[in-house]
Amino acid sequence: MAAYFIAHRKDISDSEKLRAYARTVDETIERFGGEVLARCDGFEVLEGDWESGANRDDDAPERVTIIRFPDMGSLRSWYGSQEYRELKAIRQESSVSDVVAIEGKA
């Protein structure tokens, strides 16, 4: 069963570090069979307190990212990998996000 990594970025504290993360994260995702399905700053809020972000605007940093992996094992292998561990530290030092992993249909 496919697995999905869903991140909701809520704050940016260091834009430069976050750009370094963005330049190389896709390569690590692809190595573990992942595919970015959505990465968007502008989204329609139907319920809740989310604020739609503005591309490259640290004053409106909210972004949603959805990545599909072949299965939960692949997602966990990527998330725990040495390659992503280093990038994850950069992401966590430079922004605040909520992140979940869920299983679903491909």
PDB file of N, CA and C in Angstrom:
ATOM      1  N   MET A   1       0.843  -1.173   0.000  1.00  0.00           N
ATOM      2  CA  MET A   1       0.000   0.000   0.000  1.00  0.00           C
ATOM      3  C   MET A   1       0.893   1.243   0.000  1.00  0.00           C
ATOM      4  N   ALA A   2       0.536   2.221  -0.796  1.00  0.00           N
ATOM      5  CA  ALA A   2       1.310   3.461  -0.881  1.00  0.00           C
ATOM      6  C   ALA A   2       1.319   4.171   0.467  1.00  0.00           C
ATOM      7  N   ALA A   3       2.350   4.961   0.698  1.00  0.00           N
ATOM      8  CA  ALA A   3       2.459   5.761   1.917  1.00  0.00           C
ATOM      9  C   ALA A   3       2.717   7.209   1.510  1.00  0.00           C
ATOM     10  N   TYR A   4       2.182   8.116   2.298  1.00  0.00           N
ATOM     11  CA  TYR A   4       2.263   9.537   1.994  1.00  0.00           C
ATOM     12  C   TYR A   4       2.881  10.302   3.157  1.00  0.00           C
ATOM     13  N   PHE A   5       3.858  11.117   2.832  1.00  0.00           N
ATOM     14  CA  PHE A   5       4.494  12.037   3.778  1.00  0.00           C
ATOM     15  C   PHE A   5       3.823  13.380   3.536  1.00  0.00           C
ATOM     16  N   ILE A   6       3.189  13.926   4.560  1.00  0.00           N
ATOM     17  CA  ILE A   6       2.481  15.198   4.414  1.00  0.00           C
ATOM     18  C   ILE A   6       3.053  16.176   5.431  1.00  0.00           C
ATOM     19  N   ALA A   7       3.530  17.299   4.935  1.00  0.00           N
ATOM     20  CA  ALA A   7       4.110  18.328   5.796  1.00  0.00           C
ATOM     21  C   ALA A   7       3.348  19.632   5.622  1.00  0.00           C
ATOM     22  N   HIS A   8       3.090  20.281   6.738  1.00  0.00           N
ATOM     23  CA  HIS A   8       2.468  21.603   6.741  1.00  0.00           C
ATOM     24  C   HIS A   8       3.454  22.554   7.416  1.00  0.00           C
ATOM     25  N   ARG A   9       4.143  23.327   6.599  1.00  0.00           N
ATOM     26  CA  ARG A   9       5.109  24.294   7.137  1.00  0.00           C
ATOM     27  C   ARG A   9       4.342  25.513   7.635  1.00  0.00           C
ATOM     28  N   LYS A  10       4.693  25.942   8.856  1.00  0.00           N
ATOM     29  CA  LYS A  10       3.969  27.050   9.469  1.00  0.00           C
ATOM     30  C   LYS A  10       4.824  28.281   9.728  1.00  0.00           C
ATOM     31  N   ASP A  11       6.128  28.112   9.770  1.00  0.00           N
ATOM     32  CA  ASP A  11       6.987  29.250  10.102  1.00  0.00           C
ATOM     33  C   ASP A  11       8.373  29.036   9.506  1.00  0.00           C
ATOM     34  N   ILE A  12       9.036  30.125   9.168  1.00  0.00           N
ATOM     35  CA  ILE A  12      10.413  30.094   8.661  1.00  0.00           C
ATOM     36  C   ILE A  12      11.248  30.999   9.556  1.00  0.00           C
ATOM     37  N   SER A  13      12.351  30.454  10.071  1.00  0.00           N
ATOM     38  CA  SER A  13      13.243  31.264  10.898  1.00  0.00           C
ATOM     39  C   SER A  13      14.560  31.581  10.188  1.00  0.00           C
ATOM     40  N   ASP A  14      14.925  30.783   9.171  1.00  0.00           N
ATOM     41  CA  ASP A  14      16.180  31.006   8.446  1.00  0.00           C
ATOM     42  C   ASP A  14      15.999  30.604   6.984  1.00  0.00           C
ATOM     43  N   SER A  15      15.717  31.587   6.149  1.00  0.00           N
ATOM     44  CA  SER A  15      15.442  31.341   4.727  1.00  0.00           C
ATOM     45  C   SER A  15      16.624  30.734   3.993  1.00  0.00           C
ATOM     46  N   GLU A  16      17.825  31.185   4.306  1.00  0.00           N
ATOM     47  CA  GLU A  16      19.011  30.667   3.612  1.00  0.00           C
ATOM     48  C   GLU A  16      19.191  29.179   3.859  1.00  0.00           C
ATOM     49  N   LYS A  17      19.079  28.762   5.103  1.00  0.00           N
ATOM     50  CA  LYS A  17      19.206  27.342   5.419  1.00  0.00           C
ATOM     51  C   LYS A  17      18.101  26.537   4.737  1.00  0.00           C
ATOM     52  N   LEU A  18      16.901  27.070   4.729  1.00  0.00           N
ATOM     53  CA  LEU A  18      15.787  26.356   4.118  1.00  0.00           C
ATOM     54  C   LEU A  18      15.985  26.199   2.608  1.00  0.00           C
ATOM     55  N   ARG A  19      16.584  27.187   1.977  1.00  0.00           N
ATOM     56  CA  ARG A  19      16.879  27.075   0.538  1.00  0.00           C
ATOM     57  C   ARG A  19      17.917  25.978   0.292  1.00  0.00           C
ATOM     58  N   ALA A  20      18.877  25.811   1.191  1.00  0.00           N
ATOM     59  CA  ALA A  20      19.868  24.734   1.059  1.00  0.00           C
ATOM     60  C   ALA A  20      19.169  23.377   1.136  1.00  0.00           C
ATOM     61  N   TYR A  21      18.210  23.240   2.016  1.00  0.00           N
ATOM     62  CA  TYR A  21      17.411  22.018   2.126  1.00  0.00           C
ATOM     63  C   TYR A  21      16.680  21.754   0.805  1.00  0.00           C
ATOM     64  N   ALA A  22      16.032  22.778   0.283  1.00  0.00           N
ATOM     65  CA  ALA A  22      15.219  22.635  -0.926  1.00  0.00           C
ATOM     66  C   ALA A  22      16.046  22.235  -2.150  1.00  0.00           C
ATOM     67  N   ARG A  23      17.303  22.662  -2.195  1.00  0.00           N
ATOM     68  CA  ARG A  23      18.135  22.357  -3.365  1.00  0.00           C
ATOM     69  C   ARG A  23      18.463  20.873  -3.496  1.00  0.00           C
ATOM     70  N   THR A  24      18.461  20.122  -2.397  1.00  0.00           N
ATOM     71  CA  THR A  24      18.917  18.734  -2.474  1.00  0.00           C
ATOM     72  C   THR A  24      17.916  17.688  -1.986  1.00  0.00           C
ATOM     73  N   VAL A  25      16.814  18.087  -1.384  1.00  0.00           N
ATOM     74  CA  VAL A  25      15.901  17.101  -0.800  1.00  0.00           C
ATOM     75  C   VAL A  25      15.274  16.183  -1.846  1.00  0.00           C
ATOM     76  N   ASP A  26      14.945  16.698  -3.030  1.00  0.00           N
ATOM     77  CA  ASP A  26      14.284  15.871  -4.045  1.00  0.00           C
ATOM     78  C   ASP A  26      15.134  14.668  -4.457  1.00  0.00           C
ATOM     79  N   GLU A  27      16.441  14.849  -4.510  1.00  0.00           N
ATOM     80  CA  GLU A  27      17.322  13.730  -4.868  1.00  0.00           C
ATOM     81  C   GLU A  27      17.187  12.590  -3.862  1.00  0.00           C
ATOM     82  N   THR A  28      17.084  12.921  -2.584  1.00  0.00           N
ATOM     83  CA  THR A  28      16.964  11.862  -1.573  1.00  0.00           C
ATOM     84  C   THR A  28      15.609  11.178  -1.667  1.00  0.00           C
ATOM     85  N   ILE A  29      14.577  11.937  -1.944  1.00  0.00           N
ATOM     86  CA  ILE A  29      13.227  11.373  -2.084  1.00  0.00           C
ATOM     87  C   ILE A  29      13.209  10.359  -3.216  1.00  0.00           C
ATOM     88  N   GLU A  30      13.757  10.725  -4.345  1.00  0.00           N
ATOM     89  CA  GLU A  30      13.756   9.850  -5.529  1.00  0.00           C
ATOM     90  C   GLU A  30      14.545   8.567  -5.294  1.00  0.00           C
ATOM     91  N   ARG A  31      15.645   8.648  -4.542  1.00  0.00           N
ATOM     92  CA  ARG A  31      16.450   7.452  -4.261  1.00  0.00           C
ATOM     93  C   ARG A  31      15.679   6.395  -3.487  1.00  0.00           C
ATOM     94  N   PHE A  32      14.649   6.794  -2.777  1.00  0.00           N
ATOM     95  CA  PHE A  32      13.848   5.851  -1.991  1.00  0.00           C
ATOM     96  C   PHE A  32      12.498   5.578  -2.645  1.00  0.00           C
ATOM     97  N   GLY A  33      12.379   5.900  -3.933  1.00  0.00           N
ATOM     98  CA  GLY A  33      11.166   5.600  -4.681  1.00  0.00           C
ATOM     99  C   GLY A  33      10.044   6.596  -4.482  1.00  0.00           C
ATOM    100  N   GLY A  34      10.345   7.729  -3.870  1.00  0.00           N
ATOM    101  CA  GLY A  34       9.324   8.729  -3.604  1.00  0.00           C
ATOM    102  C   GLY A  34       9.112   9.682  -4.764  1.00  0.00           C
ATOM    103  N   GLU A  35       7.950  10.302  -4.748  1.00  0.00           N
ATOM    104  CA  GLU A  35       7.591  11.276  -5.776  1.00  0.00           C
ATOM    105  C   GLU A  35       6.824  12.414  -5.110  1.00  0.00           C
ATOM    106  N   VAL A  36       7.265  13.650  -5.359  1.00  0.00           N
ATOM    107  CA  VAL A  36       6.555  14.810  -4.819  1.00  0.00           C
ATOM    108  C   VAL A  36       5.290  15.008  -5.639  1.00  0.00           C
ATOM    109  N   LEU A  37       4.144  14.907  -4.978  1.00  0.00           N
ATOM    110  CA  LEU A  37       2.858  15.089  -5.660  1.00  0.00           C
ATOM    111  C   LEU A  37       2.389  16.534  -5.596  1.00  0.00           C
ATOM    112  N   ALA A  38       2.673  17.204  -4.501  1.00  0.00           N
ATOM    113  CA  ALA A  38       2.255  18.605  -4.355  1.00  0.00           C
ATOM    114  C   ALA A  38       3.227  19.307  -3.428  1.00  0.00           C
ATOM    115  N   ARG A  39       3.526  20.526  -3.785  1.00  0.00           N
ATOM    116  CA  ARG A  39       4.351  21.404  -2.942  1.00  0.00           C
ATOM    117  C   ARG A  39       3.861  22.807  -3.270  1.00  0.00           C
ATOM    118  N   CYS A  40       2.981  23.326  -2.418  1.00  0.00           N
ATOM    119  CA  CYS A  40       2.374  24.607  -2.793  1.00  0.00           C
ATOM    120  C   CYS A  40       2.218  25.534  -1.602  1.00  0.00           C
ATOM    121  N   ASP A  41       2.395  26.802  -1.879  1.00  0.00           N
ATOM    122  CA  ASP A  41       2.233  27.859  -0.887  1.00  0.00           C
ATOM    123  C   ASP A  41       0.800  28.392  -0.902  1.00  0.00           C
ATOM    124  N   GLY A  42       0.216  28.456  -2.082  1.00  0.00           N
ATOM    125  CA  GLY A  42      -1.136  28.969  -2.218  1.00  0.00           C
ATOM    126  C   GLY A  42      -2.126  27.820  -2.208  1.00  0.00           C
ATOM    127  N   PHE A  43      -2.994  27.790  -1.223  1.00  0.00           N
ATOM    128  CA  PHE A  43      -4.002  26.740  -1.151  1.00  0.00           C
ATOM    129  C   PHE A  43      -5.276  27.328  -0.565  1.00  0.00           C
ATOM    130  N   GLU A  44      -6.370  26.675  -0.824  1.00  0.00           N
ATOM    131  CA  GLU A  44      -7.668  27.133  -0.341  1.00  0.00           C
ATOM    132  C   GLU A  44      -7.964  26.471   1.000  1.00  0.00           C
ATOM    133  N   VAL A  45      -8.164  27.270   2.013  1.00  0.00           N
ATOM    134  CA  VAL A  45      -8.471  26.764   3.346  1.00  0.00           C
ATOM    135  C   VAL A  45      -9.983  26.571   3.439  1.00  0.00           C
ATOM    136  N   LEU A  46     -10.406  25.327   3.630  1.00  0.00           N
ATOM    137  CA  LEU A  46     -11.825  25.029   3.749  1.00  0.00           C
ATOM    138  C   LEU A  46     -12.297  25.008   5.206  1.00  0.00           C
ATOM    139  N   GLU A  47     -11.406  24.602   6.111  1.00  0.00           N
ATOM    140  CA  GLU A  47     -11.716  24.594   7.536  1.00  0.00           C
ATOM    141  C   GLU A  47     -10.426  24.800   8.319  1.00  0.00           C
ATOM    142  N   GLY A  48     -10.548  25.344   9.495  1.00  0.00           N
ATOM    143  CA  GLY A  48      -9.394  25.476  10.367  1.00  0.00           C
ATOM    144  C   GLY A  48      -8.711  26.823  10.278  1.00  0.00           C
ATOM    145  N   ASP A  49      -7.541  26.906  10.914  1.00  0.00           N
ATOM    146  CA  ASP A  49      -6.823  28.170  11.066  1.00  0.00           C
ATOM    147  C   ASP A  49      -5.599  28.283  10.178  1.00  0.00           C
ATOM    148  N   TRP A  50      -5.529  27.522   9.117  1.00  0.00           N
ATOM    149  CA  TRP A  50      -4.394  27.600   8.214  1.00  0.00           C
ATOM    150  C   TRP A  50      -4.441  28.926   7.466  1.00  0.00           C
ATOM    151  N   GLU A  51      -3.275  29.417   7.105  1.00  0.00           N
ATOM    152  CA  GLU A  51      -3.170  30.631   6.295  1.00  0.00           C
ATOM    153  C   GLU A  51      -2.438  30.270   5.019  1.00  0.00           C
ATOM    154  N   SER A  52      -3.022  30.589   3.897  1.00  0.00           N
ATOM    155  CA  SER A  52      -2.352  30.318   2.633  1.00  0.00           C
ATOM    156  C   SER A  52      -1.083  31.154   2.557  1.00  0.00           C
ATOM    157  N   GLY A  53       0.023  30.517   2.176  1.00  0.00           N
ATOM    158  CA  GLY A  53       1.302  31.212   2.087  1.00  0.00           C
ATOM    159  C   GLY A  53       1.440  31.978   0.788  1.00  0.00           C
ATOM    160  N   ALA A  54       2.519  32.691   0.681  1.00  0.00           N
ATOM    161  CA  ALA A  54       2.860  33.406  -0.542  1.00  0.00           C
ATOM    162  C   ALA A  54       4.246  32.943  -0.950  1.00  0.00           C
ATOM    163  N   ASN A  55       4.404  32.503  -2.155  1.00  0.00           N
ATOM    164  CA  ASN A  55       5.661  31.935  -2.630  1.00  0.00           C
ATOM    165  C   ASN A  55       6.845  32.837  -2.308  1.00  0.00           C
ATOM    166  N   ARG A  56       7.821  32.249  -1.580  1.00  0.00           N
ATOM    167  CA  ARG A  56       9.063  32.931  -1.221  1.00  0.00           C
ATOM    168  C   ARG A  56       8.863  34.172  -0.343  1.00  0.00           C
ATOM    169  N   ASP A  57       7.781  34.191   0.429  1.00  0.00           N
ATOM    170  CA  ASP A  57       7.518  35.312   1.324  1.00  0.00           C
ATOM    171  C   ASP A  57       7.553  34.793   2.750  1.00  0.00           C
ATOM    172  N   ASP A  58       8.595  35.124   3.490  1.00  0.00           N
ATOM    173  CA  ASP A  58       8.737  34.630   4.857  1.00  0.00           C
ATOM    174  C   ASP A  58       7.656  35.162   5.790  1.00  0.00           C
ATOM    175  N   ASP A  59       6.957  36.225   5.390  1.00  0.00           N
ATOM    176  CA  ASP A  59       5.868  36.743   6.213  1.00  0.00           C
ATOM    177  C   ASP A  59       4.596  35.914   6.035  1.00  0.00           C
ATOM    178  N   ALA A  60       4.535  35.118   4.990  1.00  0.00           N
ATOM    179  CA  ALA A  60       3.408  34.214   4.743  1.00  0.00           C
ATOM    180  C   ALA A  60       3.992  32.855   4.354  1.00  0.00           C
ATOM    181  N   PRO A  61       4.572  32.143   5.336  1.00  0.00           N
ATOM    182  CA  PRO A  61       5.393  30.978   5.014  1.00  0.00           C
ATOM    183  C   PRO A  61       4.657  29.660   4.830  1.00  0.00           C
ATOM    184  N   GLU A  62       3.340  29.622   5.059  1.00  0.00           N
ATOM    185  CA  GLU A  62       2.682  28.323   5.085  1.00  0.00           C
ATOM    186  C   GLU A  62       2.734  27.625   3.733  1.00  0.00           C
ATOM    187  N   ARG A  63       3.053  26.331   3.804  1.00  0.00           N
ATOM    188  CA  ARG A  63       3.192  25.502   2.610  1.00  0.00           C
ATOM    189  C   ARG A  63       2.761  24.092   2.967  1.00  0.00           C
ATOM    190  N   VAL A  64       2.184  23.412   1.995  1.00  0.00           N
ATOM    191  CA  VAL A  64       1.819  22.003   2.152  1.00  0.00           C
ATOM    192  C   VAL A  64       2.619  21.202   1.135  1.00  0.00           C
ATOM    193  N   THR A  65       3.217  20.117   1.596  1.00  0.00           N
ATOM    194  CA  THR A  65       3.964  19.210   0.731  1.00  0.00           C
ATOM    195  C   THR A  65       3.412  17.803   0.911  1.00  0.00           C
ATOM    196  N   ILE A  66       3.180  17.118  -0.207  1.00  0.00           N
ATOM    197  CA  ILE A  66       2.713  15.731  -0.190  1.00  0.00           C
ATOM    198  C   ILE A  66       3.659  14.913  -1.052  1.00  0.00           C
ATOM    199  N   ILE A  67       4.239  13.879  -0.446  1.00  0.00           N
ATOM    200  CA  ILE A  67       5.173  12.995  -1.149  1.00  0.00           C
ATOM    201  C   ILE A  67       4.636  11.573  -1.056  1.00  0.00           C
ATOM    202  N   ARG A  68       4.566  10.883  -2.192  1.00  0.00           N
ATOM    203  CA  ARG A  68       4.112   9.495  -2.207  1.00  0.00           C
ATOM    204  C   ARG A  68       5.310   8.560  -2.308  1.00  0.00           C
ATOM    205  N   PHE A  69       5.294   7.520  -1.480  1.00  0.00           N
ATOM    206  CA  PHE A  69       6.289   6.451  -1.523  1.00  0.00           C
ATOM    207  C   PHE A  69       5.568   5.147  -1.838  1.00  0.00           C
ATOM    208  N   PRO A  70       6.285   4.152  -2.353  1.00  0.00           N
ATOM    209  CA  PRO A  70       5.634   2.876  -2.698  1.00  0.00           C
ATOM    210  C   PRO A  70       4.954   2.202  -1.502  1.00  0.00           C
ATOM    211  N   ASP A  71       5.525   2.394  -0.309  1.00  0.00           N
ATOM    212  CA  ASP A  71       4.976   1.765   0.889  1.00  0.00           C
ATOM    213  C   ASP A  71       5.561   2.464   2.115  1.00  0.00           C
ATOM    214  N   MET A  72       5.022   2.125   3.289  1.00  0.00           N
ATOM    215  CA  MET A  72       5.473   2.773   4.516  1.00  0.00           C
ATOM    216  C   MET A  72       6.936   2.445   4.818  1.00  0.00           C
ATOM    217  N   GLY A  73       7.376   1.244   4.457  1.00  0.00           N
ATOM    218  CA  GLY A  73       8.780   0.887   4.672  1.00  0.00           C
ATOM    219  C   GLY A  73       9.720   1.805   3.915  1.00  0.00           C
ATOM    220  N   SER A  74       9.369   2.131   2.678  1.00  0.00           N
ATOM    221  CA  SER A  74      10.199   3.038   1.869  1.00  0.00           C
ATOM    222  C   SER A  74      10.203   4.438   2.469  1.00  0.00           C
ATOM    223  N   LEU A  75       9.036   4.899   2.914  1.00  0.00           N
ATOM    224  CA  LEU A  75       8.943   6.217   3.525  1.00  0.00           C
ATOM    225  C   LEU A  75       9.812   6.271   4.781  1.00  0.00           C
ATOM    226  N   ARG A  76       9.682   5.273   5.631  1.00  0.00           N
ATOM    227  CA  ARG A  76      10.463   5.261   6.871  1.00  0.00           C
ATOM    228  C   ARG A  76      11.961   5.134   6.598  1.00  0.00           C
ATOM    229  N   SER A  77      12.311   4.350   5.582  1.00  0.00           N
ATOM    230  CA  SER A  77      13.729   4.216   5.225  1.00  0.00           C
ATOM    231  C   SER A  77      14.296   5.559   4.787  1.00  0.00           C
ATOM    232  N   TRP A  78      13.532   6.304   3.985  1.00  0.00           N
ATOM    233  CA  TRP A  78      13.962   7.646   3.564  1.00  0.00           C
ATOM    234  C   TRP A  78      14.070   8.570   4.770  1.00  0.00           C
ATOM    235  N   TYR A  79      13.021   8.610   5.588  1.00  0.00           N
ATOM    236  CA  TYR A  79      12.966   9.536   6.715  1.00  0.00           C
ATOM    237  C   TYR A  79      14.100   9.280   7.720  1.00  0.00           C
ATOM    238  N   GLY A  80      14.467   8.019   7.881  1.00  0.00           N
ATOM    239  CA  GLY A  80      15.526   7.680   8.817  1.00  0.00           C
ATOM    240  C   GLY A  80      16.908   7.570   8.201  1.00  0.00           C
ATOM    241  N   SER A  81      17.010   7.781   6.890  1.00  0.00           N
ATOM    242  CA  SER A  81      18.291   7.622   6.202  1.00  0.00           C
ATOM    243  C   SER A  81      19.287   8.701   6.611  1.00  0.00           C
ATOM    244  N   GLN A  82      20.563   8.368   6.476  1.00  0.00           N
ATOM    245  CA  GLN A  82      21.620   9.340   6.765  1.00  0.00           C
ATOM    246  C   GLN A  82      21.487  10.564   5.865  1.00  0.00           C
ATOM    247  N   GLU A  83      21.168  10.337   4.582  1.00  0.00           N
ATOM    248  CA  GLU A  83      21.039  11.459   3.642  1.00  0.00           C
ATOM    249  C   GLU A  83      19.950  12.432   4.099  1.00  0.00           C
ATOM    250  N   TYR A  84      18.797  11.881   4.479  1.00  0.00           N
ATOM    251  CA  TYR A  84      17.721  12.788   4.871  1.00  0.00           C
ATOM    252  C   TYR A  84      17.893  13.284   6.298  1.00  0.00           C
ATOM    253  N   ARG A  85      18.514  12.524   7.155  1.00  0.00           N
ATOM    254  CA  ARG A  85      18.718  12.950   8.547  1.00  0.00           C
ATOM    255  C   ARG A  85      19.422  14.307   8.595  1.00  0.00           C
ATOM    256  N   GLU A  86      20.430  14.470   7.765  1.00  0.00           N
ATOM    257  CA  GLU A  86      21.162  15.733   7.723  1.00  0.00           C
ATOM    258  C   GLU A  86      20.282  16.868   7.199  1.00  0.00           C
ATOM    259  N   LEU A  87      19.502  16.574   6.161  1.00  0.00           N
ATOM    260  CA  LEU A  87      18.598  17.591   5.606  1.00  0.00           C
ATOM    261  C   LEU A  87      17.462  17.907   6.577  1.00  0.00           C
ATOM    262  N   LYS A  88      16.950  16.865   7.237  1.00  0.00           N
ATOM    263  CA  LYS A  88      15.867  17.065   8.203  1.00  0.00           C
ATOM    264  C   LYS A  88      16.317  18.026   9.306  1.00  0.00           C
ATOM    265  N   ALA A  89      17.554  17.884   9.759  1.00  0.00           N
ATOM    266  CA  ALA A  89      18.079  18.788  10.788  1.00  0.00           C
ATOM    267  C   ALA A  89      18.074  20.230  10.284  1.00  0.00           C
ATOM    268  N   ILE A  90      18.451  20.429   9.028  1.00  0.00           N
ATOM    269  CA  ILE A  90      18.420  21.776   8.439  1.00  0.00           C
ATOM    270  C   ILE A  90      16.993  22.302   8.412  1.00  0.00           C
ATOM    271  N   ARG A  91      16.052  21.458   7.957  1.00  0.00           N
ATOM    272  CA  ARG A  91      14.643  21.868   7.885  1.00  0.00           C
ATOM    273  C   ARG A  91      14.123  22.241   9.266  1.00  0.00           C
ATOM    274  N   GLN A  92      14.431  21.415  10.257  1.00  0.00           N
ATOM    275  CA  GLN A  92      13.923  21.655  11.604  1.00  0.00           C
ATOM    276  C   GLN A  92      14.560  22.873  12.262  1.00  0.00           C
ATOM    277  N   GLU A  93      15.805  23.163  11.926  1.00  0.00           N
ATOM    278  CA  GLU A  93      16.480  24.345  12.465  1.00  0.00           C
ATOM    279  C   GLU A  93      15.994  25.643  11.827  1.00  0.00           C
ATOM    280  N   SER A  94      15.465  25.552  10.612  1.00  0.00           N
ATOM    281  CA  SER A  94      15.131  26.756   9.865  1.00  0.00           C
ATOM    282  C   SER A  94      13.628  26.988   9.688  1.00  0.00           C
ATOM    283  N   SER A  95      12.802  26.046  10.151  1.00  0.00           N
ATOM    284  CA  SER A  95      11.362  26.214   9.991  1.00  0.00           C
ATOM    285  C   SER A  95      10.615  25.371  11.020  1.00  0.00           C
ATOM    286  N   VAL A  96       9.327  25.634  11.126  1.00  0.00           N
ATOM    287  CA  VAL A  96       8.447  24.868  12.004  1.00  0.00           C
ATOM    288  C   VAL A  96       7.388  24.231  11.127  1.00  0.00           C
ATOM    289  N   SER A  97       7.232  22.908  11.281  1.00  0.00           N
ATOM    290  CA  SER A  97       6.255  22.184  10.467  1.00  0.00           C
ATOM    291  C   SER A  97       5.571  21.111  11.300  1.00  0.00           C
ATOM    292  N   ASP A  98       4.372  20.753  10.872  1.00  0.00           N
ATOM    293  CA  ASP A  98       3.716  19.539  11.336  1.00  0.00           C
ATOM    294  C   ASP A  98       3.908  18.523  10.233  1.00  0.00           C
ATOM    295  N   VAL A  99       4.268  17.287  10.582  1.00  0.00           N
ATOM    296  CA  VAL A  99       4.559  16.256   9.589  1.00  0.00           C
ATOM    297  C   VAL A  99       3.873  14.964  10.016  1.00  0.00           C
ATOM    298  N   VAL A 100       3.191  14.316   9.061  1.00  0.00           N
ATOM    299  CA  VAL A 100       2.569  13.021   9.315  1.00  0.00           C
ATOM    300  C   VAL A 100       2.906  12.064   8.184  1.00  0.00           C
ATOM    301  N   ALA A 101       2.810  10.763   8.491  1.00  0.00           N
ATOM    302  CA  ALA A 101       2.943   9.717   7.478  1.00  0.00           C
ATOM    303  C   ALA A 101       1.661   8.890   7.542  1.00  0.00           C
ATOM    304  N   ILE A 102       1.043   8.662   6.383  1.00  0.00           N
ATOM    305  CA  ILE A 102      -0.189   7.876   6.339  1.00  0.00           C
ATOM    306  C   ILE A 102      -0.131   6.880   5.203  1.00  0.00           C
ATOM    307  N   GLU A 103      -0.869   5.804   5.344  1.00  0.00           N
ATOM    308  CA  GLU A 103      -1.000   4.838   4.256  1.00  0.00           C
ATOM    309  C   GLU A 103      -2.281   5.134   3.496  1.00  0.00           C
ATOM    310  N   GLY A 104      -2.268   4.825   2.201  1.00  0.00           N
ATOM    311  CA  GLY A 104      -3.443   5.065   1.378  1.00  0.00           C
ATOM    312  C   GLY A 104      -3.289   4.397   0.043  1.00  0.00           C
ATOM    313  N   LYS A 105      -4.297   4.548  -0.768  1.00  0.00           N
ATOM    314  CA  LYS A 105      -4.257   3.974  -2.113  1.00  0.00           C
ATOM    315  C   LYS A 105      -3.284   4.740  -2.981  1.00  0.00           C
ATOM    316  N   ALA A 106      -2.710   4.046  -3.931  1.00  0.00           N
ATOM    317  CA  ALA A 106      -1.743   4.676  -4.841  1.00  0.00           C
ATOM    318  C   ALA A 106      -2.421   5.647  -5.773  1.00  0.00           C
TER     319      ALA A 106
END
